[in-house]
Amino acid sequence: MIRQLTAVGAVLGACVMSTPAIAANCADRETVVARLASHYDEQPTAGGLQSTDDEPALVEVWSSRETGTFTVMMTRPDGMTCIVATGTDWHQAAPDAPILGSAS
């Protein structure tokens, strides 16, 4: 019971703390792009436009073959860019890659 309460408390704490962290991950596009290139050796990998009721946004994935890092970011029309997700061990999927194995 104590473990479950501790786990629930940790999850709730993470949710409460995530809002300021998300707000801190936004800057003008030039700053974000320069930092991704200089600190992580990341380059544009994929992207597309997202349409919402409020305004469209450019969603991009930047990644590095050298470091294995990746960043998912969203840029608004006013140039404000926010980091949505980051990670490691990026791998590029081959287009139309065959599925190995046998049908079950």
PDB file of N, CA and C in Angstrom:
ATOM      1  N   MET A   1       0.824  -1.199   0.000  1.00  0.00           N
ATOM      2  CA  MET A   1       0.000   0.000   0.000  1.00  0.00           C
ATOM      3  C   MET A   1       0.864   1.258   0.000  1.00  0.00           C
ATOM      4  N   ILE A   2       1.916   1.253   0.830  1.00  0.00           N
ATOM      5  CA  ILE A   2       2.787   2.423   0.895  1.00  0.00           C
ATOM      6  C   ILE A   2       3.503   2.625  -0.437  1.00  0.00           C
ATOM      7  N   ARG A   3       3.925   1.527  -1.070  1.00  0.00           N
ATOM      8  CA  ARG A   3       4.582   1.632  -2.375  1.00  0.00           C
ATOM      9  C   ARG A   3       3.647   2.253  -3.406  1.00  0.00           C
ATOM     10  N   GLN A   4       2.383   1.826  -3.385  1.00  0.00           N
ATOM     11  CA  GLN A   4       1.420   2.360  -4.347  1.00  0.00           C
ATOM     12  C   GLN A   4       1.199   3.853  -4.124  1.00  0.00           C
ATOM     13  N   LEU A   5       1.073   4.259  -2.876  1.00  0.00           N
ATOM     14  CA  LEU A   5       0.887   5.677  -2.579  1.00  0.00           C
ATOM     15  C   LEU A   5       2.114   6.485  -2.973  1.00  0.00           C
ATOM     16  N   THR A   6       3.290   5.936  -2.745  1.00  0.00           N
ATOM     17  CA  THR A   6       4.519   6.616  -3.139  1.00  0.00           C
ATOM     18  C   THR A   6       4.584   6.775  -4.651  1.00  0.00           C
ATOM     19  N   ALA A   7       4.215   5.724  -5.376  1.00  0.00           N
ATOM     20  CA  ALA A   7       4.231   5.783  -6.842  1.00  0.00           C
ATOM     21  C   ALA A   7       3.236   6.812  -7.357  1.00  0.00           C
ATOM     22  N   VAL A   8       2.039   6.832  -6.789  1.00  0.00           N
ATOM     23  CA  VAL A   8       1.023   7.808  -7.200  1.00  0.00           C
ATOM     24  C   VAL A   8       1.513   9.223  -6.904  1.00  0.00           C
ATOM     25  N   GLY A   9       2.109   9.422  -5.745  1.00  0.00           N
ATOM     26  CA  GLY A   9       2.648  10.738  -5.392  1.00  0.00           C
ATOM     27  C   GLY A   9       3.736  11.186  -6.351  1.00  0.00           C
ATOM     28  N   ALA A  10       4.588  10.263  -6.756  1.00  0.00           N
ATOM     29  CA  ALA A  10       5.660  10.599  -7.700  1.00  0.00           C
ATOM     30  C   ALA A  10       5.092  11.008  -9.054  1.00  0.00           C
ATOM     31  N   VAL A  11       4.084  10.285  -9.520  1.00  0.00           N
ATOM     32  CA  VAL A  11       3.468  10.613 -10.807  1.00  0.00           C
ATOM     33  C   VAL A  11       2.785  11.975 -10.736  1.00  0.00           C
ATOM     34  N   LEU A  12       2.031  12.222  -9.679  1.00  0.00           N
ATOM     35  CA  LEU A  12       1.360  13.515  -9.540  1.00  0.00           C
ATOM     36  C   LEU A  12       2.370  14.653  -9.433  1.00  0.00           C
ATOM     37  N   GLY A  13       3.444  14.420  -8.704  1.00  0.00           N
ATOM     38  CA  GLY A  13       4.494  15.432  -8.596  1.00  0.00           C
ATOM     39  C   GLY A  13       5.117  15.743  -9.935  1.00  0.00           C
ATOM     40  N   ALA A  14       5.344  14.715 -10.739  1.00  0.00           N
ATOM     41  CA  ALA A  14       5.916  14.925 -12.073  1.00  0.00           C
ATOM     42  C   ALA A  14       4.961  15.723 -12.950  1.00  0.00           C
ATOM     43  N   CYS A  15       3.667  15.456 -12.837  1.00  0.00           N
ATOM     44  CA  CYS A  15       2.680  16.197 -13.632  1.00  0.00           C
ATOM     45  C   CYS A  15       2.646  17.665 -13.237  1.00  0.00           C
ATOM     46  N   VAL A  16       2.695  17.935 -11.959  1.00  0.00           N
ATOM     47  CA  VAL A  16       2.661  19.313 -11.479  1.00  0.00           C
ATOM     48  C   VAL A  16       3.915  20.058 -11.917  1.00  0.00           C
ATOM     49  N   MET A  17       5.055  19.392 -11.869  1.00  0.00           N
ATOM     50  CA  MET A  17       6.320  20.025 -12.214  1.00  0.00           C
ATOM     51  C   MET A  17       6.522  20.165 -13.720  1.00  0.00           C
ATOM     52  N   SER A  18       5.770  19.437 -14.538  1.00  0.00           N
ATOM     53  CA  SER A  18       6.033  19.440 -15.973  1.00  0.00           C
ATOM     54  C   SER A  18       5.607  20.729 -16.664  1.00  0.00           C
ATOM     55  N   THR A  19       4.605  21.421 -16.171  1.00  0.00           N
ATOM     56  CA  THR A  19       4.127  22.625 -16.845  1.00  0.00           C
ATOM     57  C   THR A  19       5.199  23.709 -16.929  1.00  0.00           C
ATOM     58  N   PRO A  20       5.879  24.092 -15.847  1.00  0.00           N
ATOM     59  CA  PRO A  20       6.944  25.085 -15.978  1.00  0.00           C
ATOM     60  C   PRO A  20       8.093  24.578 -16.844  1.00  0.00           C
ATOM     61  N   ALA A  21       8.370  23.295 -16.804  1.00  0.00           N
ATOM     62  CA  ALA A  21       9.459  22.745 -17.612  1.00  0.00           C
ATOM     63  C   ALA A  21       9.147  22.883 -19.090  1.00  0.00           C
ATOM     64  N   ILE A  22       7.901  22.652 -19.467  1.00  0.00           N
ATOM     65  CA  ILE A  22       7.513  22.789 -20.869  1.00  0.00           C
ATOM     66  C   ILE A  22       7.638  24.250 -21.299  1.00  0.00           C
ATOM     67  N   ALA A  23       7.192  25.166 -20.478  1.00  0.00           N
ATOM     68  CA  ALA A  23       7.274  26.581 -20.820  1.00  0.00           C
ATOM     69  C   ALA A  23       8.725  27.025 -20.980  1.00  0.00           C
ATOM     70  N   ALA A  24       9.636  26.436 -20.219  1.00  0.00           N
ATOM     71  CA  ALA A  24      11.045  26.803 -20.287  1.00  0.00           C
ATOM     72  C   ALA A  24      11.716  26.250 -21.534  1.00  0.00           C
ATOM     73  N   ASN A  25      11.085  25.351 -22.271  1.00  0.00           N
ATOM     74  CA  ASN A  25      11.678  24.730 -23.443  1.00  0.00           C
ATOM     75  C   ASN A  25      11.275  25.421 -24.737  1.00  0.00           C
ATOM     76  N   CYS A  26      10.923  26.683 -24.686  1.00  0.00           N
ATOM     77  CA  CYS A  26      10.547  27.440 -25.877  1.00  0.00           C
ATOM     78  C   CYS A  26      11.493  28.624 -26.061  1.00  0.00           C
ATOM     79  N   ALA A  27      11.802  28.899 -27.323  1.00  0.00           N
ATOM     80  CA  ALA A  27      12.643  30.050 -27.674  1.00  0.00           C
ATOM     81  C   ALA A  27      12.415  30.349 -29.150  1.00  0.00           C
ATOM     82  N   ASP A  28      13.037  31.418 -29.642  1.00  0.00           N
ATOM     83  CA  ASP A  28      12.889  31.701 -31.063  1.00  0.00           C
ATOM     84  C   ASP A  28      13.596  30.602 -31.866  1.00  0.00           C
ATOM     85  N   ARG A  29      13.101  30.358 -33.066  1.00  0.00           N
ATOM     86  CA  ARG A  29      13.577  29.234 -33.884  1.00  0.00           C
ATOM     87  C   ARG A  29      15.084  29.274 -34.121  1.00  0.00           C
ATOM     88  N   GLU A  30      15.621  30.442 -34.426  1.00  0.00           N
ATOM     89  CA  GLU A  30      17.056  30.548 -34.694  1.00  0.00           C
ATOM     90  C   GLU A  30      17.889  30.053 -33.520  1.00  0.00           C
ATOM     91  N   THR A  31      17.484  30.382 -32.313  1.00  0.00           N
ATOM     92  CA  THR A  31      18.216  29.958 -31.122  1.00  0.00           C
ATOM     93  C   THR A  31      18.158  28.448 -30.951  1.00  0.00           C
ATOM     94  N   VAL A  32      16.966  27.870 -31.107  1.00  0.00           N
ATOM     95  CA  VAL A  32      16.800  26.423 -30.936  1.00  0.00           C
ATOM     96  C   VAL A  32      17.599  25.662 -31.983  1.00  0.00           C
ATOM     97  N   VAL A  33      17.486  26.067 -33.245  1.00  0.00           N
ATOM     98  CA  VAL A  33      18.179  25.381 -34.334  1.00  0.00           C
ATOM     99  C   VAL A  33      19.696  25.467 -34.150  1.00  0.00           C
ATOM    100  N   ALA A  34      20.194  26.640 -33.773  1.00  0.00           N
ATOM    101  CA  ALA A  34      21.635  26.803 -33.562  1.00  0.00           C
ATOM    102  C   ALA A  34      22.134  25.895 -32.445  1.00  0.00           C
ATOM    103  N   ARG A  35      21.358  25.784 -31.376  1.00  0.00           N
ATOM    104  CA  ARG A  35      21.775  24.936 -30.247  1.00  0.00           C
ATOM    105  C   ARG A  35      21.749  23.457 -30.630  1.00  0.00           C
ATOM    106  N   LEU A  36      20.723  23.030 -31.358  1.00  0.00           N
ATOM    107  CA  LEU A  36      20.658  21.624 -31.776  1.00  0.00           C
ATOM    108  C   LEU A  36      21.845  21.269 -32.666  1.00  0.00           C
ATOM    109  N   ALA A  37      22.208  22.175 -33.560  1.00  0.00           N
ATOM    110  CA  ALA A  37      23.325  21.913 -34.471  1.00  0.00           C
ATOM    111  C   ALA A  37      24.668  21.947 -33.746  1.00  0.00           C
ATOM    112  N   SER A  38      24.872  22.925 -32.876  1.00  0.00           N
ATOM    113  CA  SER A  38      26.187  23.080 -32.248  1.00  0.00           C
ATOM    114  C   SER A  38      26.421  22.149 -31.064  1.00  0.00           C
ATOM    115  N   HIS A  39      25.398  21.904 -30.253  1.00  0.00           N
ATOM    116  CA  HIS A  39      25.586  21.082 -29.054  1.00  0.00           C
ATOM    117  C   HIS A  39      25.334  19.593 -29.283  1.00  0.00           C
ATOM    118  N   TYR A  40      24.453  19.258 -30.216  1.00  0.00           N
ATOM    119  CA  TYR A  40      24.056  17.860 -30.391  1.00  0.00           C
ATOM    120  C   TYR A  40      24.326  17.330 -31.794  1.00  0.00           C
ATOM    121  N   ASP A  41      24.829  18.178 -32.695  1.00  0.00           N
ATOM    122  CA  ASP A  41      25.116  17.796 -34.076  1.00  0.00           C
ATOM    123  C   ASP A  41      23.866  17.262 -34.775  1.00  0.00           C
ATOM    124  N   GLU A  42      22.702  17.807 -34.409  1.00  0.00           N
ATOM    125  CA  GLU A  42      21.442  17.360 -35.008  1.00  0.00           C
ATOM    126  C   GLU A  42      21.109  18.172 -36.251  1.00  0.00           C
ATOM    127  N   GLN A  43      20.478  17.501 -37.200  1.00  0.00           N
ATOM    128  CA  GLN A  43      20.047  18.089 -38.458  1.00  0.00           C
ATOM    129  C   GLN A  43      18.583  17.697 -38.688  1.00  0.00           C
ATOM    130  N   PRO A  44      17.845  18.426 -39.549  1.00  0.00           N
ATOM    131  CA  PRO A  44      16.455  18.053 -39.825  1.00  0.00           C
ATOM    132  C   PRO A  44      16.370  16.649 -40.423  1.00  0.00           C
ATOM    133  N   THR A  45      15.456  15.842 -39.893  1.00  0.00           N
ATOM    134  CA  THR A  45      15.268  14.469 -40.353  1.00  0.00           C
ATOM    135  C   THR A  45      13.903  14.283 -41.003  1.00  0.00           C
ATOM    136  N   ALA A  46      12.868  14.867 -40.405  1.00  0.00           N
ATOM    137  CA  ALA A  46      11.503  14.716 -40.911  1.00  0.00           C
ATOM    138  C   ALA A  46      10.676  15.897 -40.418  1.00  0.00           C
ATOM    139  N   GLY A  47       9.532  16.102 -41.048  1.00  0.00           N
ATOM    140  CA  GLY A  47       8.675  17.189 -40.599  1.00  0.00           C
ATOM    141  C   GLY A  47       7.373  17.238 -41.366  1.00  0.00           C
ATOM    142  N   GLY A  48       6.476  18.051 -40.874  1.00  0.00           N
ATOM    143  CA  GLY A  48       5.185  18.222 -41.514  1.00  0.00           C
ATOM    144  C   GLY A  48       4.404  19.330 -40.838  1.00  0.00           C
ATOM    145  N   LEU A  49       3.290  19.702 -41.437  1.00  0.00           N
ATOM    146  CA  LEU A  49       2.446  20.748 -40.881  1.00  0.00           C
ATOM    147  C   LEU A  49       1.314  20.146 -40.069  1.00  0.00           C
ATOM    148  N   GLN A  50       1.058  20.747 -38.925  1.00  0.00           N
ATOM    149  CA  GLN A  50      -0.051  20.339 -38.073  1.00  0.00           C
ATOM    150  C   GLN A  50      -1.077  21.464 -38.101  1.00  0.00           C
ATOM    151  N   SER A  51      -2.305  21.136 -38.408  1.00  0.00           N
ATOM    152  CA  SER A  51      -3.370  22.136 -38.408  1.00  0.00           C
ATOM    153  C   SER A  51      -4.177  21.995 -37.133  1.00  0.00           C
ATOM    154  N   THR A  52      -4.402  23.117 -36.486  1.00  0.00           N
ATOM    155  CA  THR A  52      -5.247  23.144 -35.300  1.00  0.00           C
ATOM    156  C   THR A  52      -6.301  24.223 -35.509  1.00  0.00           C
ATOM    157  N   ASP A  53      -7.233  24.321 -34.585  1.00  0.00           N
ATOM    158  CA  ASP A  53      -8.251  25.363 -34.674  1.00  0.00           C
ATOM    159  C   ASP A  53      -7.637  26.746 -34.484  1.00  0.00           C
ATOM    160  N   ASP A  54      -6.596  26.827 -33.660  1.00  0.00           N
ATOM    161  CA  ASP A  54      -5.980  28.120 -33.360  1.00  0.00           C
ATOM    162  C   ASP A  54      -5.069  28.598 -34.486  1.00  0.00           C
ATOM    163  N   GLU A  55      -4.051  27.809 -34.796  1.00  0.00           N
ATOM    164  CA  GLU A  55      -3.083  28.188 -35.822  1.00  0.00           C
ATOM    165  C   GLU A  55      -2.293  26.957 -36.255  1.00  0.00           C
ATOM    166  N   PRO A  56      -1.771  26.972 -37.477  1.00  0.00           N
ATOM    167  CA  PRO A  56      -0.959  25.841 -37.927  1.00  0.00           C
ATOM    168  C   PRO A  56       0.413  25.875 -37.249  1.00  0.00           C
ATOM    169  N   ALA A  57       1.091  24.750 -37.266  1.00  0.00           N
ATOM    170  CA  ALA A  57       2.434  24.678 -36.691  1.00  0.00           C
ATOM    171  C   ALA A  57       3.273  23.709 -37.510  1.00  0.00           C
ATOM    172  N   LEU A  58       4.566  23.975 -37.563  1.00  0.00           N
ATOM    173  CA  LEU A  58       5.514  23.085 -38.208  1.00  0.00           C
ATOM    174  C   LEU A  58       6.055  22.135 -37.150  1.00  0.00           C
ATOM    175  N   VAL A  59       5.886  20.838 -37.356  1.00  0.00           N
ATOM    176  CA  VAL A  59       6.407  19.828 -36.437  1.00  0.00           C
ATOM    177  C   VAL A  59       7.599  19.171 -37.125  1.00  0.00           C
ATOM    178  N   GLU A  60       8.734  19.122 -36.430  1.00  0.00           N
ATOM    179  CA  GLU A  60       9.953  18.575 -37.015  1.00  0.00           C
ATOM    180  C   GLU A  60      10.630  17.591 -36.076  1.00  0.00           C
ATOM    181  N   VAL A  61      11.338  16.659 -36.678  1.00  0.00           N
ATOM    182  CA  VAL A  61      12.247  15.780 -35.945  1.00  0.00           C
ATOM    183  C   VAL A  61      13.649  16.124 -36.423  1.00  0.00           C
ATOM    184  N   TRP A  62      14.522  16.425 -35.487  1.00  0.00           N
ATOM    185  CA  TRP A  62      15.937  16.639 -35.766  1.00  0.00           C
ATOM    186  C   TRP A  62      16.679  15.489 -35.109  1.00  0.00           C
ATOM    187  N   SER A  63      17.705  14.970 -35.767  1.00  0.00           N
ATOM    188  CA  SER A  63      18.445  13.846 -35.193  1.00  0.00           C
ATOM    189  C   SER A  63      19.903  13.895 -35.618  1.00  0.00           C
ATOM    190  N   SER A  64      20.707  13.084 -34.941  1.00  0.00           N
ATOM    191  CA  SER A  64      22.131  12.994 -35.240  1.00  0.00           C
ATOM    192  C   SER A  64      22.541  11.539 -35.346  1.00  0.00           C
ATOM    193  N   ARG A  65      23.133  11.176 -36.465  1.00  0.00           N
ATOM    194  CA  ARG A  65      23.672   9.818 -36.610  1.00  0.00           C
ATOM    195  C   ARG A  65      24.902   9.634 -35.727  1.00  0.00           C
ATOM    196  N   GLU A  66      25.652  10.709 -35.502  1.00  0.00           N
ATOM    197  CA  GLU A  66      26.879  10.621 -34.712  1.00  0.00           C
ATOM    198  C   GLU A  66      26.591  10.408 -33.228  1.00  0.00           C
ATOM    199  N   THR A  67      25.665  11.188 -32.670  1.00  0.00           N
ATOM    200  CA  THR A  67      25.400  11.109 -31.234  1.00  0.00           C
ATOM    201  C   THR A  67      24.215  10.215 -30.892  1.00  0.00           C
ATOM    202  N   GLY A  68      23.338   9.949 -31.866  1.00  0.00           N
ATOM    203  CA  GLY A  68      22.152   9.134 -31.619  1.00  0.00           C
ATOM    204  C   GLY A  68      21.025   9.890 -30.940  1.00  0.00           C
ATOM    205  N   THR A  69      21.190  11.201 -30.741  1.00  0.00           N
ATOM    206  CA  THR A  69      20.141  11.980 -30.086  1.00  0.00           C
ATOM    207  C   THR A  69      19.094  12.420 -31.101  1.00  0.00           C
ATOM    208  N   PHE A  70      17.900  12.740 -30.595  1.00  0.00           N
ATOM    209  CA  PHE A  70      16.852  13.296 -31.447  1.00  0.00           C
ATOM    210  C   PHE A  70      16.015  14.282 -30.655  1.00  0.00           C
ATOM    211  N   THR A  71      15.390  15.200 -31.389  1.00  0.00           N
ATOM    212  CA  THR A  71      14.538  16.226 -30.800  1.00  0.00           C
ATOM    213  C   THR A  71      13.295  16.380 -31.661  1.00  0.00           C
ATOM    214  N   VAL A  72      12.134  16.412 -31.021  1.00  0.00           N
ATOM    215  CA  VAL A  72      10.879  16.716 -31.706  1.00  0.00           C
ATOM    216  C   VAL A  72      10.499  18.128 -31.273  1.00  0.00           C
ATOM    217  N   MET A  73      10.283  18.998 -32.256  1.00  0.00           N
ATOM    218  CA  MET A  73       9.958  20.378 -31.917  1.00  0.00           C
ATOM    219  C   MET A  73       8.806  20.886 -32.772  1.00  0.00           C
ATOM    220  N   MET A  74       8.147  21.914 -32.257  1.00  0.00           N
ATOM    221  CA  MET A  74       7.003  22.515 -32.932  1.00  0.00           C
ATOM    222  C   MET A  74       7.244  24.018 -33.035  1.00  0.00           C
ATOM    223  N   THR A  75       7.077  24.558 -34.252  1.00  0.00           N
ATOM    224  CA  THR A  75       7.290  25.988 -34.479  1.00  0.00           C
ATOM    225  C   THR A  75       5.984  26.638 -34.918  1.00  0.00           C
ATOM    226  N   ARG A  76       5.612  27.696 -34.214  1.00  0.00           N
ATOM    227  CA  ARG A  76       4.409  28.456 -34.547  1.00  0.00           C
ATOM    228  C   ARG A  76       4.719  29.456 -35.659  1.00  0.00           C
ATOM    229  N   PRO A  77       3.698  30.017 -36.296  1.00  0.00           N
ATOM    230  CA  PRO A  77       3.928  31.001 -37.362  1.00  0.00           C
ATOM    231  C   PRO A  77       4.731  32.228 -36.909  1.00  0.00           C
ATOM    232  N   ASP A  78       4.669  32.574 -35.619  1.00  0.00           N
ATOM    233  CA  ASP A  78       5.421  33.736 -35.133  1.00  0.00           C
ATOM    234  C   ASP A  78       6.900  33.431 -34.894  1.00  0.00           C
ATOM    235  N   GLY A  79       7.320  32.177 -35.153  1.00  0.00           N
ATOM    236  CA  GLY A  79       8.724  31.810 -35.001  1.00  0.00           C
ATOM    237  C   GLY A  79       9.083  31.217 -33.651  1.00  0.00           C
ATOM    238  N   MET A  80       8.138  31.186 -32.715  1.00  0.00           N
ATOM    239  CA  MET A  80       8.404  30.580 -31.412  1.00  0.00           C
ATOM    240  C   MET A  80       8.455  29.065 -31.584  1.00  0.00           C
ATOM    241  N   THR A  81       9.543  28.460 -31.113  1.00  0.00           N
ATOM    242  CA  THR A  81       9.752  27.022 -31.240  1.00  0.00           C
ATOM    243  C   THR A  81       9.790  26.402 -29.856  1.00  0.00           C
ATOM    244  N   CYS A  82       9.065  25.303 -29.679  1.00  0.00           N
ATOM    245  CA  CYS A  82       9.036  24.596 -28.404  1.00  0.00           C
ATOM    246  C   CYS A  82       9.501  23.159 -28.605  1.00  0.00           C
ATOM    247  N   ILE A  83      10.339  22.706 -27.684  1.00  0.00           N
ATOM    248  CA  ILE A  83      10.800  21.321 -27.688  1.00  0.00           C
ATOM    249  C   ILE A  83       9.677  20.470 -27.106  1.00  0.00           C
ATOM    250  N   VAL A  84       9.232  19.485 -27.868  1.00  0.00           N
ATOM    251  CA  VAL A  84       8.143  18.609 -27.445  1.00  0.00           C
ATOM    252  C   VAL A  84       8.689  17.344 -26.798  1.00  0.00           C
ATOM    253  N   ALA A  85       9.783  16.812 -27.346  1.00  0.00           N
ATOM    254  CA  ALA A  85      10.379  15.584 -26.810  1.00  0.00           C
ATOM    255  C   ALA A  85      11.839  15.506 -27.231  1.00  0.00           C
ATOM    256  N   THR A  86      12.637  14.822 -26.420  1.00  0.00           N
ATOM    257  CA  THR A  86      14.033  14.549 -26.756  1.00  0.00           C
ATOM    258  C   THR A  86      14.341  13.116 -26.373  1.00  0.00           C
ATOM    259  N   GLY A  87      15.388  12.567 -26.957  1.00  0.00           N
ATOM    260  CA  GLY A  87      15.743  11.201 -26.609  1.00  0.00           C
ATOM    261  C   GLY A  87      17.082  10.787 -27.177  1.00  0.00           C
ATOM    262  N   THR A  88      17.398   9.522 -26.975  1.00  0.00           N
ATOM    263  CA  THR A  88      18.652   8.948 -27.444  1.00  0.00           C
ATOM    264  C   THR A  88      18.367   7.691 -28.248  1.00  0.00           C
ATOM    265  N   ASP A  89      19.400   7.152 -28.837  1.00  0.00           N
ATOM    266  CA  ASP A  89      19.332   5.904 -29.601  1.00  0.00           C
ATOM    267  C   ASP A  89      18.410   6.016 -30.812  1.00  0.00           C
ATOM    268  N   TRP A  90      18.463   7.141 -31.504  1.00  0.00           N
ATOM    269  CA  TRP A  90      17.663   7.347 -32.706  1.00  0.00           C
ATOM    270  C   TRP A  90      18.101   6.371 -33.786  1.00  0.00           C
ATOM    271  N   HIS A  91      17.151   5.827 -34.502  1.00  0.00           N
ATOM    272  CA  HIS A  91      17.457   5.002 -35.674  1.00  0.00           C
ATOM    273  C   HIS A  91      16.514   5.412 -36.796  1.00  0.00           C
ATOM    274  N   GLN A  92      17.048   5.436 -37.980  1.00  0.00           N
ATOM    275  CA  GLN A  92      16.281   5.826 -39.154  1.00  0.00           C
ATOM    276  C   GLN A  92      15.693   4.574 -39.785  1.00  0.00           C
ATOM    277  N   ALA A  93      14.395   4.521 -39.927  1.00  0.00           N
ATOM    278  CA  ALA A  93      13.742   3.370 -40.553  1.00  0.00           C
ATOM    279  C   ALA A  93      13.895   3.473 -42.064  1.00  0.00           C
ATOM    280  N   ALA A  94      14.178   2.348 -42.692  1.00  0.00           N
ATOM    281  CA  ALA A  94      14.286   2.315 -44.148  1.00  0.00           C
ATOM    282  C   ALA A  94      12.880   2.317 -44.745  1.00  0.00           C
ATOM    283  N   PRO A  95      12.675   3.083 -45.814  1.00  0.00           N
ATOM    284  CA  PRO A  95      11.350   3.067 -46.435  1.00  0.00           C
ATOM    285  C   PRO A  95      11.031   1.685 -46.993  1.00  0.00           C
ATOM    286  N   ASP A  96       9.816   1.266 -46.800  1.00  0.00           N
ATOM    287  CA  ASP A  96       9.368  -0.045 -47.280  1.00  0.00           C
ATOM    288  C   ASP A  96      10.265  -1.177 -46.806  1.00  0.00           C
ATOM    289  N   ALA A  97      10.707  -1.082 -45.565  1.00  0.00           N
ATOM    290  CA  ALA A  97      11.561  -2.134 -45.015  1.00  0.00           C
ATOM    291  C   ALA A  97      10.756  -3.421 -44.897  1.00  0.00           C
ATOM    292  N   PRO A  98      11.330  -4.539 -45.328  1.00  0.00           N
ATOM    293  CA  PRO A  98      10.596  -5.803 -45.227  1.00  0.00           C
ATOM    294  C   PRO A  98      10.440  -6.222 -43.766  1.00  0.00           C
ATOM    295  N   ILE A  99       9.330  -6.841 -43.466  1.00  0.00           N
ATOM    296  CA  ILE A  99       9.082  -7.358 -42.125  1.00  0.00           C
ATOM    297  C   ILE A  99       9.627  -8.773 -42.086  1.00  0.00           C
ATOM    298  N   LEU A 100      10.582  -8.984 -41.199  1.00  0.00           N
ATOM    299  CA  LEU A 100      11.210 -10.294 -41.097  1.00  0.00           C
ATOM    300  C   LEU A 100      10.420 -11.195 -40.169  1.00  0.00           C
ATOM    301  N   GLY A 101      10.543 -12.480 -40.368  1.00  0.00           N
ATOM    302  CA  GLY A 101       9.847 -13.440 -39.525  1.00  0.00           C
ATOM    303  C   GLY A 101       8.759 -14.138 -40.317  1.00  0.00           C
ATOM    304  N   SER A 102       8.021 -14.944 -39.627  1.00  0.00           N
ATOM    305  CA  SER A 102       6.952 -15.678 -40.294  1.00  0.00           C
ATOM    306  C   SER A 102       5.611 -15.295 -39.686  1.00  0.00           C
ATOM    307  N   ALA A 103       4.583 -15.443 -40.480  1.00  0.00           N
ATOM    308  CA  ALA A 103       3.237 -15.127 -40.003  1.00  0.00           C
ATOM    309  C   ALA A 103       2.831 -16.114 -38.928  1.00  0.00           C
ATOM    310  N   SER A 104       2.126 -15.617 -37.947  1.00  0.00           N
ATOM    311  CA  SER A 104       1.689 -16.517 -36.875  1.00  0.00           C
ATOM    312  C   SER A 104       0.203 -16.723 -36.914  1.00  0.00           C
TER     313      SER A 104
END
